[in-house]
Amino acid sequence: MLGLVVAGLAVSALTAFSIGANDLANSIAPLVGSGAMRFNQALIVFSVVVLTGAMVQGYMVIKTLGKGIVSDIDIIGAVSASLAAFIWIMLATVKGIPISTTHSITGGVIGIGIAYMLLSGKAGNLNLDIISKILLSWVTSPLLAMVLAIPLYHLTERVFSQGNNGRVVPAAIAIASFAAYSFGANDVANAVGVYISVTSKFLGLPDSDTMRLLTAFAVLFICLGGAVAGKRVVETLAYRVTRLDLLTSVAANADAIAVWLYTTVPFLLFGYGLPISTSYAAVGAIIGAGVAKHKSLRALNLKLVLFIMFAWVITVPVTALLAIAIYTLLSYIL
């Protein structure tokens, strides 16, 4: 058992590393693209604020991925889901494509639920009600971020004149920090949510204490992944979707509001924070900011946007199939 738990935590660290490598861009790309901060400066801000968000509100979504989608995941299932997510996220990161790490791990967990049904007939393990709410949030969150970005751009334009752009920088840093906080609250679960049940039983600790320990563990590797391998996706969102300046950099982080709302409100209403895609919301906000400034879709790199969306569509089936294959193989070997 000890060996399996250690192996599981090692895979969790890899998953956290890949999440940092791909999702760092969601918070800091507007800062980098607008010239408000350099990459290394923004990385420091990101690291501090992500830890805060994860420690304060991370448990809301950890609970969802840990016990909400599949009622009780064993260590082999947890490792399989994490490995499936890690493989897909790193493939996308190497290509500089901002995919959904939330989709990746959720697809992996769904795959484990399907594997349980196929291999042992545990049909009741998948919580279809939670899955339906998550799927709805994936559609609505980028649209909400896009809608929020447009009035936020016009408000920023009215408050800060072009001749005083230096005053925009604190506002851009503040909302980027809120985006990083919201990311920490929502996405830390992607790395460690599936390990709550197993680790809690192994350590003999309450779930709440286990969540705090795993959260700190995950944030360490998320920040490491961002520092080592995050630059490529940052450059995609900062420069290739649309051209950002200081005014649009504020609106381009409107995803902060959307992510925080989806983390907090469902938890208060249903007891489960929704693991939405911060990547979806970030791209939606950047698109909204670009359209608000230029009043045209021609300001967007539509070919790149469509390619990113295609990667989004195939993420869940790919990671679910990967998880089923890995779980089947590990079950046979072990």
Protein backbone atom coordinates (compact mmCIF):
# COMPACT_ATOMS: atom_id res chain seq x y z
CA MET A 1 0.00 0.00 0.00
CA LEU A 2 2.78 2.44 0.89
CA GLY A 3 4.43 1.94 -2.49
CA LEU A 4 1.18 2.61 -4.32
CA VAL A 5 0.48 5.78 -2.32
CA VAL A 6 3.99 7.09 -2.97
CA ALA A 7 3.64 6.27 -6.67
CA GLY A 8 0.27 8.04 -6.70
CA LEU A 9 1.70 11.18 -5.13
CA ALA A 10 4.57 11.12 -7.61
CA VAL A 11 2.06 11.02 -10.48
CA SER A 12 0.11 13.80 -8.74
CA ALA A 13 3.29 15.90 -8.72
CA LEU A 14 3.72 15.29 -12.46
CA THR A 15 0.11 16.31 -13.05
CA ALA A 16 0.57 19.48 -11.00
CA PHE A 17 3.73 20.27 -12.98
CA SER A 18 1.85 19.91 -16.28
CA ILE A 19 -1.02 22.07 -14.97
CA GLY A 20 1.40 24.86 -14.08
CA ALA A 21 3.09 24.55 -17.47
CA ASN A 22 -0.20 24.92 -19.36
CA ASP A 23 -2.37 27.08 -17.09
CA LEU A 24 0.16 29.68 -15.92
CA ALA A 25 -0.78 31.60 -19.06
CA ASN A 26 -4.40 32.00 -17.99
CA SER A 27 -3.47 34.56 -15.34
CA ILE A 28 -0.31 36.27 -16.55
CA ALA A 29 -0.57 36.29 -20.36
CA PRO A 30 -2.42 39.64 -20.42
CA LEU A 31 0.30 41.19 -18.24
CA VAL A 32 3.09 39.85 -20.44
CA GLY A 33 1.33 40.58 -23.74
CA SER A 34 0.60 44.18 -22.78
CA GLY A 35 4.10 44.82 -21.43
CA ALA A 36 2.80 45.54 -17.92
CA MET A 37 5.22 42.99 -16.43
CA ARG A 38 7.99 40.72 -17.61
CA PHE A 39 7.50 36.94 -17.49
CA ASN A 40 9.69 36.39 -14.41
CA GLN A 41 8.02 39.20 -12.47
CA ALA A 42 4.55 37.92 -13.29
CA LEU A 43 5.61 34.38 -12.30
CA ILE A 44 6.48 35.57 -8.77
CA VAL A 45 3.11 37.29 -8.36
CA PHE A 46 1.35 34.19 -9.72
CA SER A 47 3.12 31.83 -7.30
CA VAL A 48 2.24 33.79 -4.17
CA VAL A 49 -1.39 34.42 -5.09
CA VAL A 50 -2.10 30.89 -6.38
CA LEU A 51 -1.01 29.48 -3.02
CA THR A 52 -3.39 31.86 -1.27
CA GLY A 53 -6.36 30.93 -3.45
CA ALA A 54 -5.63 27.22 -3.17
CA MET A 55 -5.31 27.27 0.62
CA VAL A 56 -8.37 29.47 1.20
CA GLN A 57 -10.87 27.99 -1.28
CA GLY A 58 -9.23 25.00 -2.98
CA TYR A 59 -11.20 22.50 -0.88
CA MET A 60 -14.43 23.54 -2.63
CA VAL A 61 -13.45 21.86 -5.92
CA ILE A 62 -11.13 19.22 -4.43
CA LYS A 63 -14.26 17.74 -2.87
CA THR A 64 -15.95 17.57 -6.29
CA LEU A 65 -13.14 15.72 -8.06
CA GLY A 66 -12.28 13.64 -5.01
CA LYS A 67 -15.74 12.27 -4.25
CA GLY A 68 -18.29 14.07 -6.41
CA ILE A 69 -17.85 12.58 -9.90
CA VAL A 70 -16.95 9.04 -8.80
CA SER A 71 -17.99 8.19 -5.25
CA ASP A 72 -14.88 6.28 -4.18
CA ILE A 73 -11.72 6.12 -6.30
CA ASP A 74 -9.07 3.55 -5.39
CA ILE A 75 -5.33 4.21 -5.75
CA ILE A 76 -5.06 2.48 -9.14
CA GLY A 77 -7.94 4.57 -10.44
CA ALA A 78 -6.40 7.77 -9.06
CA VAL A 79 -3.03 7.01 -10.66
CA SER A 80 -4.67 6.12 -13.98
CA ALA A 81 -6.73 9.34 -14.11
CA SER A 82 -3.70 11.47 -13.23
CA LEU A 83 -1.44 9.77 -15.79
CA ALA A 84 -4.03 10.22 -18.53
CA ALA A 85 -4.33 13.93 -17.73
CA PHE A 86 -0.55 14.39 -17.51
CA ILE A 87 0.10 12.78 -20.90
CA TRP A 88 -2.49 14.89 -22.71
CA ILE A 89 -1.63 18.18 -20.97
CA MET A 90 2.09 17.86 -21.71
CA LEU A 91 1.45 17.01 -25.36
CA ALA A 92 -0.60 20.20 -25.69
CA THR A 93 1.94 22.27 -23.74
CA VAL A 94 4.79 21.22 -26.03
CA LYS A 95 2.67 22.56 -28.93
CA GLY A 96 1.88 25.77 -27.03
CA ILE A 97 -1.87 25.02 -27.01
CA PRO A 98 -3.86 26.23 -23.97
CA ILE A 99 -6.12 23.24 -23.33
CA SER A 100 -8.29 22.61 -20.32
CA THR A 101 -6.42 20.87 -17.52
CA THR A 102 -9.80 20.65 -15.76
CA HIS A 103 -11.26 18.82 -18.77
CA SER A 104 -8.22 16.57 -18.78
CA ILE A 105 -8.50 15.35 -15.20
CA THR A 106 -12.31 15.26 -15.27
CA GLY A 107 -12.17 13.17 -18.44
CA GLY A 108 -9.72 10.88 -16.68
CA VAL A 109 -12.01 10.51 -13.66
CA ILE A 110 -15.01 9.83 -15.91
CA GLY A 111 -12.91 7.20 -17.68
CA ILE A 112 -12.22 5.52 -14.32
CA GLY A 113 -15.94 5.49 -13.55
CA ILE A 114 -16.58 3.83 -16.91
CA ALA A 115 -13.74 1.35 -16.27
CA TYR A 116 -15.32 0.43 -12.93
CA MET A 117 -18.61 -0.30 -14.73
CA LEU A 118 -16.93 -2.34 -17.49
CA LEU A 119 -14.61 -4.36 -15.28
CA SER A 120 -16.57 -4.81 -12.06
CA GLY A 121 -20.13 -3.68 -12.76
CA LYS A 122 -20.07 -0.71 -10.34
CA ALA A 123 -22.72 1.22 -12.27
CA GLY A 124 -23.58 3.52 -9.36
CA ASN A 125 -20.14 5.05 -9.05
CA LEU A 126 -20.63 7.80 -11.65
CA ASN A 127 -22.57 10.78 -10.31
CA LEU A 128 -24.40 11.90 -13.44
CA ASP A 129 -25.96 14.92 -11.70
CA ILE A 130 -22.55 16.39 -10.84
CA ILE A 131 -21.22 15.55 -14.33
CA SER A 132 -24.16 17.35 -16.00
CA LYS A 133 -23.52 20.49 -13.91
CA ILE A 134 -19.81 20.38 -14.82
CA LEU A 135 -20.60 19.99 -18.53
CA LEU A 136 -22.98 22.97 -18.39
CA SER A 137 -20.32 25.10 -16.68
CA TRP A 138 -17.83 24.29 -19.45
CA VAL A 139 -20.18 25.81 -22.03
CA THR A 140 -21.24 28.84 -20.03
CA SER A 141 -17.93 29.86 -18.39
CA PRO A 142 -16.09 31.07 -21.55
CA LEU A 143 -19.24 32.86 -22.69
CA LEU A 144 -19.58 34.56 -19.31
CA ALA A 145 -15.91 35.60 -19.35
CA MET A 146 -16.31 36.99 -22.88
CA VAL A 147 -19.46 38.92 -21.93
CA LEU A 148 -17.78 40.32 -18.80
CA ALA A 149 -14.67 41.38 -20.74
CA ILE A 150 -16.54 43.71 -23.10
CA PRO A 151 -18.04 46.12 -20.51
CA LEU A 152 -14.88 45.84 -18.42
CA TYR A 153 -12.85 47.09 -21.39
CA HIS A 154 -15.17 50.05 -21.94
CA LEU A 155 -15.11 50.87 -18.22
CA THR A 156 -11.31 50.74 -18.21
CA GLU A 157 -11.20 52.94 -21.31
CA ARG A 158 -13.37 55.56 -19.61
CA VAL A 159 -11.47 55.54 -16.32
CA PHE A 160 -7.96 55.56 -17.80
CA SER A 161 -7.14 57.82 -20.70
CA GLN A 162 -4.59 56.70 -23.29
CA GLY A 163 -2.31 59.51 -22.18
CA ASN A 164 -2.05 58.08 -18.66
CA ASN A 165 -1.51 54.40 -19.34
CA GLY A 166 0.89 54.16 -16.42
CA ARG A 167 -2.13 54.30 -14.13
CA VAL A 168 -3.57 51.20 -15.77
CA VAL A 169 -0.70 48.97 -14.65
CA PRO A 170 -1.79 48.64 -10.97
CA ALA A 171 -5.33 47.79 -12.13
CA ALA A 172 -3.98 45.20 -14.58
CA ILE A 173 -1.80 43.61 -11.87
CA ALA A 174 -4.71 43.61 -9.40
CA ILE A 175 -7.13 41.77 -11.69
CA ALA A 176 -4.37 39.38 -12.85
CA SER A 177 -3.75 38.59 -9.18
CA PHE A 178 -7.45 37.91 -8.72
CA ALA A 179 -7.27 35.60 -11.76
CA ALA A 180 -4.35 33.74 -10.16
CA TYR A 181 -6.28 33.50 -6.87
CA SER A 182 -9.33 32.10 -8.68
CA PHE A 183 -7.10 29.67 -10.58
CA GLY A 184 -5.63 28.40 -7.31
CA ALA A 185 -9.09 27.98 -5.82
CA ASN A 186 -10.42 26.05 -8.82
CA ASP A 187 -7.52 24.19 -10.44
CA VAL A 188 -5.49 22.80 -7.53
CA ALA A 189 -8.13 20.06 -7.39
CA ASN A 190 -7.05 18.87 -10.84
CA ALA A 191 -3.76 17.64 -9.38
CA VAL A 192 -4.81 16.18 -6.05
CA GLY A 193 -8.61 15.80 -5.91
CA VAL A 194 -8.56 12.12 -6.83
CA TYR A 195 -6.13 11.34 -3.99
CA ILE A 196 -8.21 12.64 -1.08
CA SER A 197 -9.92 9.35 -0.17
CA VAL A 198 -6.81 7.20 -0.55
CA THR A 199 -4.40 9.55 1.25
CA SER A 200 -6.85 10.34 4.03
CA LYS A 201 -7.32 6.64 4.81
CA PHE A 202 -3.59 5.95 4.59
CA LEU A 203 -2.58 8.83 6.88
CA GLY A 204 -5.50 8.36 9.24
CA LEU A 205 -6.34 12.06 9.00
CA PRO A 206 -9.66 13.85 8.45
CA ASP A 207 -10.35 14.85 4.85
CA SER A 208 -9.92 18.54 5.73
CA ASP A 209 -6.35 18.07 7.02
CA THR A 210 -5.47 15.87 4.04
CA MET A 211 -6.79 18.53 1.65
CA ARG A 212 -4.53 21.20 3.14
CA LEU A 213 -1.44 18.99 2.92
CA LEU A 214 -2.14 17.94 -0.66
CA THR A 215 -2.95 21.52 -1.65
CA ALA A 216 0.44 22.83 -0.51
CA PHE A 217 2.11 19.87 -2.22
CA ALA A 218 0.28 20.56 -5.50
CA VAL A 219 0.95 24.32 -5.53
CA LEU A 220 4.70 23.69 -5.21
CA PHE A 221 4.73 21.63 -8.41
CA ILE A 222 2.24 23.88 -10.22
CA CYS A 223 4.61 26.83 -9.71
CA LEU A 224 7.59 24.72 -10.72
CA GLY A 225 5.83 23.66 -13.92
CA GLY A 226 4.99 27.26 -14.74
CA ALA A 227 8.58 28.38 -14.20
CA VAL A 228 10.18 25.56 -16.19
CA ALA A 229 7.75 25.01 -19.06
CA GLY A 230 5.06 27.70 -18.95
CA LYS A 231 6.50 30.24 -21.35
CA ARG A 232 5.32 28.64 -24.59
CA VAL A 233 1.61 28.75 -23.75
CA VAL A 234 2.01 32.23 -22.23
CA GLU A 235 3.34 33.43 -25.58
CA THR A 236 0.35 31.89 -27.41
CA LEU A 237 -2.22 33.73 -25.30
CA ALA A 238 -0.14 36.88 -24.90
CA TYR A 239 0.64 37.49 -28.57
CA ARG A 240 -1.10 35.10 -30.97
CA VAL A 241 -4.87 35.21 -30.19
CA THR A 242 -5.16 39.02 -30.45
CA ARG A 243 -2.89 42.00 -29.87
CA LEU A 244 -3.10 43.17 -26.25
CA ASP A 245 -2.25 46.60 -24.83
CA LEU A 246 -2.52 47.96 -21.30
CA LEU A 247 -6.22 48.76 -21.56
CA THR A 248 -7.20 45.38 -22.99
CA SER A 249 -5.00 43.59 -20.44
CA VAL A 250 -7.47 44.50 -17.70
CA ALA A 251 -10.49 43.19 -19.61
CA ALA A 252 -8.54 40.13 -20.77
CA ASN A 253 -8.49 38.92 -17.16
CA ALA A 254 -12.28 39.10 -16.78
CA ASP A 255 -12.04 35.31 -16.45
CA ALA A 256 -11.03 35.95 -12.83
CA ILE A 257 -14.62 36.88 -12.00
CA ALA A 258 -16.13 33.95 -13.91
CA VAL A 259 -13.80 31.35 -12.35
CA TRP A 260 -14.36 32.66 -8.83
CA LEU A 261 -18.15 32.62 -9.29
CA TYR A 262 -18.16 29.02 -10.55
CA THR A 263 -15.92 27.96 -7.66
CA THR A 264 -17.89 29.69 -4.91
CA VAL A 265 -21.59 29.96 -5.80
CA PRO A 266 -22.25 26.26 -6.63
CA PHE A 267 -20.43 25.26 -3.43
CA LEU A 268 -22.73 27.50 -1.40
CA LEU A 269 -25.82 26.16 -3.22
CA PHE A 270 -25.01 22.48 -3.79
CA GLY A 271 -21.96 21.73 -1.63
CA TYR A 272 -19.70 21.18 -4.66
CA GLY A 273 -17.59 23.85 -6.38
CA LEU A 274 -17.63 23.34 -10.15
CA PRO A 275 -14.24 22.50 -11.73
CA ILE A 276 -14.48 24.78 -14.76
CA SER A 277 -11.78 25.32 -17.33
CA THR A 278 -9.73 28.38 -16.47
CA SER A 279 -8.26 28.04 -19.98
CA TYR A 280 -11.71 28.30 -21.56
CA ALA A 281 -12.52 31.33 -19.45
CA ALA A 282 -9.15 32.96 -20.14
CA VAL A 283 -9.43 32.55 -23.91
CA GLY A 284 -13.04 33.78 -23.76
CA ALA A 285 -11.96 36.91 -21.88
CA ILE A 286 -9.08 37.61 -24.29
CA ILE A 287 -11.44 37.23 -27.26
CA GLY A 288 -13.95 39.55 -25.60
CA ALA A 289 -11.28 42.16 -24.90
CA GLY A 290 -10.02 42.03 -28.50
CA VAL A 291 -13.52 42.36 -29.94
CA ALA A 292 -14.37 45.23 -27.55
CA LYS A 293 -11.29 47.21 -28.59
CA HIS A 294 -11.39 46.62 -32.34
CA LYS A 295 -15.17 46.10 -32.67
CA SER A 296 -14.53 43.26 -35.11
CA LEU A 297 -13.65 39.58 -35.19
CA ARG A 298 -10.89 40.47 -37.67
CA ALA A 299 -8.73 41.41 -34.69
CA LEU A 300 -8.62 37.72 -33.76
CA ASN A 301 -6.45 34.95 -35.11
CA LEU A 302 -9.51 32.87 -36.00
CA LYS A 303 -7.50 29.95 -37.37
CA LEU A 304 -5.67 29.60 -34.04
CA VAL A 305 -8.89 30.06 -32.04
CA LEU A 306 -10.63 27.29 -34.00
CA PHE A 307 -7.64 24.97 -33.56
CA ILE A 308 -7.66 25.61 -29.79
CA MET A 309 -11.39 24.87 -29.66
CA PHE A 310 -10.86 21.62 -31.55
CA ALA A 311 -8.31 20.58 -28.91
CA TRP A 312 -10.89 21.42 -26.25
CA VAL A 313 -13.56 19.24 -27.88
CA ILE A 314 -11.41 16.11 -28.04
CA THR A 315 -9.86 16.49 -24.56
CA VAL A 316 -12.50 14.62 -22.53
CA PRO A 317 -12.85 11.59 -24.84
CA VAL A 318 -9.06 11.35 -25.27
CA THR A 319 -8.30 11.45 -21.53
CA ALA A 320 -11.22 9.15 -20.70
CA LEU A 321 -9.96 6.54 -23.17
CA LEU A 322 -6.40 6.95 -21.90
CA ALA A 323 -7.56 6.48 -18.31
CA ILE A 324 -9.54 3.34 -19.21
CA ALA A 325 -6.53 1.87 -21.02
CA ILE A 326 -4.09 2.71 -18.21
CA TYR A 327 -6.46 1.43 -15.51
CA THR A 328 -7.01 -1.84 -17.39
CA LEU A 329 -3.26 -2.33 -17.84
CA LEU A 330 -2.40 -1.50 -14.22
CA SER A 331 -5.20 -3.72 -12.90
CA TYR A 332 -3.86 -6.62 -14.99
CA ILE A 333 -0.25 -6.03 -13.85
CA LEU A 334 -1.02 -5.46 -10.15
